[in-house]
């Protein structure tokens, strides 16, 4: 069961904060996971655009975009069950995003999951 002190949850929170900060300006000493996500930004953005066609990527809230980048990276590259990735992303969206972030992230990741599975 996930807790606020779970190392995987903490790692994701750090990655989200770093990705969010990177959306404003280049950061020093970012986690390795963030470096890998940044290498795949074009691919991940294409997946987001295809999964949320009514939302131009530049109009998506930056924290939601950071959460989507992390979650899609994990879906494509990590050996974590998709339901865990999506649940964690929705929880992070509720914690850091706006009132509608949780449902937005859930909808986009549901579509992504359907496309990649």
C-alpha atoms as a PDB file:
ATOM      1  CA  UNK A   1       0.000   0.000   0.000  1.00  0.00           C
ATOM      2  CA  UNK A   2       1.250   3.451  -0.949  1.00  0.00           C
ATOM      3  CA  UNK A   3       2.110   5.931   1.788  1.00  0.00           C
ATOM      4  CA  UNK A   4       3.384   9.496   1.736  1.00  0.00           C
ATOM      5  CA  UNK A   5       6.821   8.197   2.737  1.00  0.00           C
ATOM      6  CA  UNK A   6       6.993   5.449   0.094  1.00  0.00           C
ATOM      7  CA  UNK A   7      10.352   5.902  -1.711  1.00  0.00           C
ATOM      8  CA  UNK A   8       8.709   5.502  -5.135  1.00  0.00           C
ATOM      9  CA  UNK A   9       6.150   8.180  -4.295  1.00  0.00           C
ATOM     10  CA  UNK A  10       8.872  10.512  -3.014  1.00  0.00           C
ATOM     11  CA  UNK A  11      10.943   9.905  -6.156  1.00  0.00           C
ATOM     12  CA  UNK A  12       7.941  10.813  -8.312  1.00  0.00           C
ATOM     13  CA  UNK A  13       7.272  13.979  -6.300  1.00  0.00           C
ATOM     14  CA  UNK A  14      10.885  15.091  -6.748  1.00  0.00           C
ATOM     15  CA  UNK A  15      10.703  14.349 -10.475  1.00  0.00           C
ATOM     16  CA  UNK A  16       7.453  16.337 -10.843  1.00  0.00           C
ATOM     17  CA  UNK A  17       8.914  19.346  -9.044  1.00  0.00           C
ATOM     18  CA  UNK A  18      12.031  19.197 -11.181  1.00  0.00           C
ATOM     19  CA  UNK A  19      10.095  18.818 -14.444  1.00  0.00           C
ATOM     20  CA  UNK A  20       7.843  21.719 -13.460  1.00  0.00           C
ATOM     21  CA  UNK A  21      10.851  23.927 -12.674  1.00  0.00           C
ATOM     22  CA  UNK A  22      12.483  22.871 -15.964  1.00  0.00           C
ATOM     23  CA  UNK A  23       9.410  24.150 -17.825  1.00  0.00           C
ATOM     24  CA  UNK A  24      10.436  27.668 -16.746  1.00  0.00           C
ATOM     25  CA  UNK A  25      14.232  27.550 -16.857  1.00  0.00           C
ATOM     26  CA  UNK A  26      17.101  25.078 -17.097  1.00  0.00           C
ATOM     27  CA  UNK A  27      17.834  23.476 -13.725  1.00  0.00           C
ATOM     28  CA  UNK A  28      21.072  22.203 -12.237  1.00  0.00           C
ATOM     29  CA  UNK A  29      21.405  18.777 -10.627  1.00  0.00           C
ATOM     30  CA  UNK A  30      18.195  17.226 -11.895  1.00  0.00           C
ATOM     31  CA  UNK A  31      17.457  13.564 -11.103  1.00  0.00           C
ATOM     32  CA  UNK A  32      18.526  10.967 -13.673  1.00  0.00           C
ATOM     33  CA  UNK A  33      14.888  10.131 -14.352  1.00  0.00           C
ATOM     34  CA  UNK A  34      14.226  13.742 -15.372  1.00  0.00           C
ATOM     35  CA  UNK A  35      17.196  13.667 -17.742  1.00  0.00           C
ATOM     36  CA  UNK A  36      15.742  10.546 -19.381  1.00  0.00           C
ATOM     37  CA  UNK A  37      12.275  12.113 -19.597  1.00  0.00           C
ATOM     38  CA  UNK A  38      13.738  15.249 -21.201  1.00  0.00           C
ATOM     39  CA  UNK A  39      15.454  13.060 -23.830  1.00  0.00           C
ATOM     40  CA  UNK A  40      12.027  11.698 -24.796  1.00  0.00           C
ATOM     41  CA  UNK A  41      10.069  14.962 -24.620  1.00  0.00           C
ATOM     42  CA  UNK A  42       9.224  15.088 -28.345  1.00  0.00           C
ATOM     43  CA  UNK A  43       7.938  11.508 -28.333  1.00  0.00           C
ATOM     44  CA  UNK A  44       5.959  12.040 -25.124  1.00  0.00           C
ATOM     45  CA  UNK A  45       4.499  15.337 -26.375  1.00  0.00           C
ATOM     46  CA  UNK A  46       3.327  13.600 -29.555  1.00  0.00           C
ATOM     47  CA  UNK A  47       1.548  10.996 -27.435  1.00  0.00           C
ATOM     48  CA  UNK A  48      -0.098  13.767 -25.373  1.00  0.00           C
ATOM     49  CA  UNK A  49      -1.220  15.649 -28.496  1.00  0.00           C
ATOM     50  CA  UNK A  50      -2.687  12.450 -29.946  1.00  0.00           C
ATOM     51  CA  UNK A  51      -4.416  11.607 -26.649  1.00  0.00           C
ATOM     52  CA  UNK A  52      -5.822  15.077 -25.930  1.00  0.00           C
ATOM     53  CA  UNK A  53      -6.473  16.562 -29.371  1.00  0.00           C
ATOM     54  CA  UNK A  54      -8.748  19.329 -28.077  1.00  0.00           C
ATOM     55  CA  UNK A  55      -5.985  20.632 -25.786  1.00  0.00           C
ATOM     56  CA  UNK A  56      -3.032  22.305 -27.527  1.00  0.00           C
ATOM     57  CA  UNK A  57       0.081  21.310 -25.599  1.00  0.00           C
ATOM     58  CA  UNK A  58       1.026  24.931 -24.921  1.00  0.00           C
ATOM     59  CA  UNK A  59      -2.370  25.440 -23.216  1.00  0.00           C
ATOM     60  CA  UNK A  60      -1.981  22.526 -20.773  1.00  0.00           C
ATOM     61  CA  UNK A  61      -1.216  23.614 -17.220  1.00  0.00           C
ATOM     62  CA  UNK A  62       2.547  23.155 -16.692  1.00  0.00           C
ATOM     63  CA  UNK A  63       2.152  21.021 -13.586  1.00  0.00           C
ATOM     64  CA  UNK A  64      -0.316  18.758 -15.411  1.00  0.00           C
ATOM     65  CA  UNK A  65       2.132  18.524 -18.295  1.00  0.00           C
ATOM     66  CA  UNK A  66       4.963  17.584 -15.928  1.00  0.00           C
ATOM     67  CA  UNK A  67       2.788  14.865 -14.395  1.00  0.00           C
ATOM     68  CA  UNK A  68       1.823  13.561 -17.838  1.00  0.00           C
ATOM     69  CA  UNK A  69       5.478  13.512 -18.928  1.00  0.00           C
ATOM     70  CA  UNK A  70       6.449  11.467 -15.884  1.00  0.00           C
ATOM     71  CA  UNK A  71       3.519   9.064 -16.162  1.00  0.00           C
ATOM     72  CA  UNK A  72       3.910   8.452 -19.896  1.00  0.00           C
ATOM     73  CA  UNK A  73       7.650   7.941 -19.436  1.00  0.00           C
ATOM     74  CA  UNK A  74       6.900   5.337 -16.766  1.00  0.00           C
ATOM     75  CA  UNK A  75       4.280   3.632 -18.934  1.00  0.00           C
ATOM     76  CA  UNK A  76       6.754   3.349 -21.799  1.00  0.00           C
ATOM     77  CA  UNK A  77      10.000   2.625 -19.939  1.00  0.00           C
ATOM     78  CA  UNK A  78       9.461   1.384 -16.412  1.00  0.00           C
ATOM     79  CA  UNK A  79       8.380  -2.021 -15.183  1.00  0.00           C
ATOM     80  CA  UNK A  80       5.462  -0.640 -13.165  1.00  0.00           C
ATOM     81  CA  UNK A  81       1.854  -1.790 -13.662  1.00  0.00           C
ATOM     82  CA  UNK A  82      -0.116   0.752 -15.694  1.00  0.00           C
ATOM     83  CA  UNK A  83      -2.832   1.026 -13.043  1.00  0.00           C
ATOM     84  CA  UNK A  84      -0.215   1.999 -10.455  1.00  0.00           C
ATOM     85  CA  UNK A  85       1.293   4.649 -12.762  1.00  0.00           C
ATOM     86  CA  UNK A  86      -2.114   6.133 -13.577  1.00  0.00           C
ATOM     87  CA  UNK A  87      -3.295   6.088  -9.963  1.00  0.00           C
ATOM     88  CA  UNK A  88      -0.110   7.758  -8.788  1.00  0.00           C
ATOM     89  CA  UNK A  89      -0.330  10.406 -11.530  1.00  0.00           C
ATOM     90  CA  UNK A  90      -3.940  11.211 -10.611  1.00  0.00           C
ATOM     91  CA  UNK A  91      -2.977  11.529  -6.939  1.00  0.00           C
ATOM     92  CA  UNK A  92      -0.105  13.867  -7.819  1.00  0.00           C
ATOM     93  CA  UNK A  93      -2.434  15.917 -10.042  1.00  0.00           C
ATOM     94  CA  UNK A  94      -4.896  16.276  -7.183  1.00  0.00           C
ATOM     95  CA  UNK A  95      -2.076  17.283  -4.848  1.00  0.00           C
ATOM     96  CA  UNK A  96      -0.293  19.789  -7.085  1.00  0.00           C
ATOM     97  CA  UNK A  97      -2.738  20.738  -9.828  1.00  0.00           C
ATOM     98  CA  UNK A  98      -6.012  22.559 -10.123  1.00  0.00           C
ATOM     99  CA  UNK A  99      -9.434  21.268  -9.195  1.00  0.00           C
ATOM    100  CA  UNK A 100      -9.856  19.597 -12.587  1.00  0.00           C
ATOM    101  CA  UNK A 101      -6.285  18.276 -12.916  1.00  0.00           C
ATOM    102  CA  UNK A 102      -7.040  14.818 -11.522  1.00  0.00           C
ATOM    103  CA  UNK A 103      -9.793  14.096 -14.024  1.00  0.00           C
ATOM    104  CA  UNK A 104      -7.818  15.631 -16.903  1.00  0.00           C
ATOM    105  CA  UNK A 105      -4.719  13.541 -16.157  1.00  0.00           C
ATOM    106  CA  UNK A 106      -6.851  10.428 -15.685  1.00  0.00           C
ATOM    107  CA  UNK A 107      -8.600  10.958 -19.027  1.00  0.00           C
ATOM    108  CA  UNK A 108      -5.403  11.554 -20.969  1.00  0.00           C
ATOM    109  CA  UNK A 109      -3.601   8.603 -19.394  1.00  0.00           C
ATOM    110  CA  UNK A 110      -6.617   6.349 -19.960  1.00  0.00           C
ATOM    111  CA  UNK A 111      -6.424   7.170 -23.662  1.00  0.00           C
ATOM    112  CA  UNK A 112      -2.634   6.697 -23.681  1.00  0.00           C
ATOM    113  CA  UNK A 113      -3.011   3.310 -21.991  1.00  0.00           C
ATOM    114  CA  UNK A 114      -5.583   2.205 -24.574  1.00  0.00           C
ATOM    115  CA  UNK A 115      -3.201   3.235 -27.393  1.00  0.00           C
ATOM    116  CA  UNK A 116      -0.080   1.537 -26.072  1.00  0.00           C
ATOM    117  CA  UNK A 117      -1.590  -1.692 -24.762  1.00  0.00           C
END
